C-alpha cells in the first residue's frame, strides 16, 4: 500500500446528465433475435456505426449495443447502485462517455460504468462475475479502459457488453518522502507529469503524454528513462488490483509476489488494476530534446546513424534516447523523417545524438531544453489507425532491408486516399535490457537477449472505413514479409511489444514458453473461473 501522502491531485469529476426515459432498453429485442443462422433483423443493422465493415450477421455478442441480454441485466444492477456513474446507450451522455482516441476503437456497449473508488470496481466485478443463464461460464462480456489509446476494436471496449471506464480514478499522489508516486488506473501521463512538475522528482512513463497509465504500464512501457532504469513496469513497487472474486489486494515483492511479477507485462489478464505505485528518481524534470525533421532522401545517413546509436559497442549512453519516425504519403512517395531526440540529462554533452543534430537539410529544428510535461509528443485524436510491431537484431543491412520492404508494402495501398504510412524505429540496446534486469525484471522475455535490438513499429492512419480491410491486409503482409526476411538473415527476435502490437499478434506467446506458462499458472491461481480470459475479450489472452 502507498506511504502517507505529501501531495495529492485529482481532476474535477462531472456528473452524468442521464435524462433517461422508460423503457430504458427500447431496442432490446434486437439482440436475442439477431442470429447468424436466420439473418439480422433490420433494426440491428440500422444501429450499427458506419465504422463496422462486415456485412454478414455477426455473433450475438457483437450484433448491437443491446445484443447481449446478460449486459442488460448487469447494466440495470450497476445503474441501480451507481446512478451517477452509469450511462446507458439511450442517454445523452453516452457518446461522450464512450469516446476513444481513435474511431477504430469505438464499439457500442450497452452501458458505460465509471467507478469513483476501488470499492466501486469491486462491486462491478462481483456483479459481472455472476454467471447469467444455465452455464457457469455464461458471463456478461465487459471491457476495461484506462486512457483508451489502443486503437483496435475490442482492445478497451465491447459491443453489447459493459464498458468499465477508469477515467475518474485519476489521482496523482506523491508519498511524504517523495520516493513513490501513486497513480490511479485512469490517469493520463500528461496529468501526472504536470502535477509533479517542480517537485524535484521524475518517474518513467509514457512518451506520448495523452496515453494512459494502465495500458502503457501493463504492456511494459517504454519511457525516456528506460535506458537508465528499465521499463515502466520494472519500476512499479505495488499494484492495487481487483481480482475476479471482487477481492482487493496489493501485489508487491512481499505480498502476492507471483501476481506482482505477472503484471509486469502481463496485460489485463489477472484483474482490474486500480492504482499503480511507481518508484521515483531524483530529477528536476528538465530534459534536452525535441523534434527535428529531415527529408527521406537522406535515409541512408539516418539509418546508419540509427544503427550506430543502437550499438552499445560504440558507447553506452543511458540518458539519451531517440525514435526515428517515417511519415510517408503513399500516393506520392513523399514524406518526412521525424527525429524524436531527448537527453534526460539536460546539461549533458548529448554526444550520441550529435550525428542527428548535424543532419542537413533540416525541414524543422525544434530541439531545446524543456520539461518532460512539455516535451512535444502529443497526438491528437485520429479517425482510423492500426498498430503492429516486431523486433530484430541491430544490423545495418537488415535495417535497410526492412526499410525497403516497408516501402514496398506501402506502395500496395498507394491508391487509398488520405492514407499516411507511418513507421518507426525504436532502439532496444543491451544496456536497456540490463537496466530492466537490474530492477528485478519482468515477464516480457527480453532478459536473456544478448544482442542490441530494434523494434519496428507500423502505424498507418486513414480516414475512410471502406478501406479498413485493405489496410489491415497490408499490415499483415508487412508483418509476415518483415518476419520472413529477418528470419532468413538470422536476425529475427521473437519478442513483440504489447504496447504496439496488432490484434493478429500474440505478444504473450512471444515472451517465451516459460514466461507464458508462468502467466497461465498465475491466471489459474487468481482467476480460477477464467473471468478475465472469457468475459474480457480485449487485450492479449493467455491461450487458456
Foldseek 3Di string as FASTA:
>chain_A
DDAAFDDKDFDDDDWDDFPADPPNCPPLVQQVVQAQVPHGDVVQVVQDDQLDADDGRDHQQQRAQNNDVLQVVLLVVLCVVCVRFKYAPRGPCQPVQQDALAQQAGARHRMEGEDQDLLSQLVSLQSQCCADDDDNLNGFFEFEAALRHARHHQQGGTRNGYHYYHLRLAMWTAHPVRFKIKGFSNHFQLVNQVSCQQVQKDFFAALARSGGRNLQQQLQADGLQLLPAATQLLFWAWWFFQFSNSDTDIEGCVPVPLVSQCSRRVHCQGGRTGMTIGTIDRANQKKWWAKWKDWCVCVLLVLVLVLLLLACVNDRQSQKFWKWKWKAQLLVRTTMIIITIIGSPRPDPCVSCVSVVPDDDIPDDDIGMDGSSPHPNHDGRAYHKFKAKFKWFRDSVLSVVLVVLLSVLSNVVNVAPPKIKMKMKGKDHPSSLVSSVVSPHHLQQCVPDDGIMIMMMIMMGHHRSNCVVVVVVSVVVSVVVSQVVRVVVVTGQLATRQSGHGPPDARLCSSDDVSLVSSVVSSCVRPVSSCSPSSSVHGHHSPD
